[in-house]
């Protein structure tokens, strides 16, 4: 699923949560975040929830185009390994 939003913040995380949950329910686990340029800590929480939902459906979230800011926040919070962000940041 290509995330069309240019930001993932507290302001739109709820809406994006619903969009991602619908995609995961359809069996889509590949999420492209290359359009995202602005994030806050809500982005990390959102990705963790999408990952939880994917695992619950027998899959695993595959992220591409992950902004460096998300990777940095995830590392700061110690959850980067849970999101497989090792080489995903650009």
Protein backbone atom coordinates (compact mmCIF):
# COMPACT_ATOMS: atom_id res chain seq x y z
CA UNK A 1 0.00 0.00 0.00
CA UNK A 2 1.38 3.37 -0.98
CA UNK A 3 0.87 5.89 1.82
CA UNK A 4 -0.24 9.05 0.01
CA UNK A 5 -0.03 11.29 3.07
CA UNK A 6 3.03 13.51 3.31
CA UNK A 7 2.89 13.48 7.10
CA UNK A 8 2.23 10.98 9.84
CA UNK A 9 1.52 12.93 12.99
CA UNK A 10 -0.91 12.97 15.87
CA UNK A 11 -3.27 14.95 13.62
CA UNK A 12 -3.81 12.17 11.07
CA UNK A 13 -2.60 8.95 12.71
CA UNK A 14 -6.15 7.76 13.44
CA UNK A 15 -7.19 8.11 9.82
CA UNK A 16 -4.04 6.37 8.61
CA UNK A 17 -4.54 3.62 11.17
CA UNK A 18 -7.91 2.82 9.62
CA UNK A 19 -6.52 2.88 6.06
CA UNK A 20 -3.65 0.59 6.97
CA UNK A 21 -5.88 -1.76 8.94
CA UNK A 22 -8.16 -2.13 5.91
CA UNK A 23 -5.18 -2.91 3.69
CA UNK A 24 -3.84 -5.47 6.16
CA UNK A 25 -7.30 -7.07 6.37
CA UNK A 26 -7.09 -7.50 2.56
CA UNK A 27 -3.75 -9.24 2.97
CA UNK A 28 -1.55 -6.30 1.97
CA UNK A 29 1.60 -6.15 4.11
CA UNK A 30 3.92 -4.03 1.90
CA UNK A 31 3.72 -0.37 2.86
CA UNK A 32 5.53 2.35 0.88
CA UNK A 33 6.24 5.45 2.98
CA UNK A 34 8.28 7.34 0.37
CA UNK A 35 5.80 10.26 0.18
CA UNK A 36 6.07 10.92 3.93
CA UNK A 37 8.22 13.95 4.81
CA UNK A 38 6.92 14.95 8.26
CA UNK A 39 6.54 12.68 11.28
CA UNK A 40 6.22 12.73 15.03
CA UNK A 41 6.17 9.97 17.61
CA UNK A 42 2.66 8.97 16.44
CA UNK A 43 4.28 7.55 13.30
CA UNK A 44 6.23 4.99 15.32
CA UNK A 45 3.12 4.02 17.29
CA UNK A 46 1.19 3.67 14.03
CA UNK A 47 3.80 1.39 12.45
CA UNK A 48 3.93 -0.75 15.58
CA UNK A 49 0.16 -1.18 15.51
CA UNK A 50 0.18 -2.05 11.80
CA UNK A 51 2.92 -4.59 12.55
CA UNK A 52 0.84 -6.08 15.36
CA UNK A 53 -2.15 -6.38 13.03
CA UNK A 54 -0.06 -7.94 10.25
CA UNK A 55 1.40 -10.53 12.63
CA UNK A 56 -2.09 -11.31 13.93
CA UNK A 57 -3.04 -12.15 10.33
CA UNK A 58 -0.02 -14.37 9.84
CA UNK A 59 2.06 -11.80 7.97
CA UNK A 60 4.77 -9.29 8.64
CA UNK A 61 4.82 -5.62 7.70
CA UNK A 62 7.33 -4.87 4.94
CA UNK A 63 8.24 -1.18 4.89
CA UNK A 64 9.90 0.72 2.07
CA UNK A 65 10.76 4.38 1.64
CA UNK A 66 10.93 4.86 5.39
CA UNK A 67 11.89 8.44 6.28
CA UNK A 68 15.10 8.76 8.29
CA UNK A 69 13.13 10.58 11.00
CA UNK A 70 10.97 7.50 11.63
CA UNK A 71 14.01 5.25 11.80
CA UNK A 72 15.68 7.69 14.19
CA UNK A 73 12.63 7.85 16.47
CA UNK A 74 12.21 4.07 16.43
CA UNK A 75 15.86 3.63 17.37
CA UNK A 76 15.53 6.23 20.14
CA UNK A 77 12.54 4.33 21.57
CA UNK A 78 14.31 0.98 21.16
CA UNK A 79 11.71 -0.49 18.80
CA UNK A 80 13.59 -0.35 15.49
CA UNK A 81 14.18 -4.12 15.52
CA UNK A 82 10.44 -4.74 15.94
CA UNK A 83 9.84 -2.84 12.71
CA UNK A 84 12.76 -4.32 10.73
CA UNK A 85 14.11 -0.84 10.00
CA UNK A 86 17.73 -1.89 9.71
CA UNK A 87 18.14 -0.82 6.09
CA UNK A 88 14.79 0.75 5.33
CA UNK A 89 15.59 4.41 6.00
CA UNK A 90 16.48 6.79 3.20
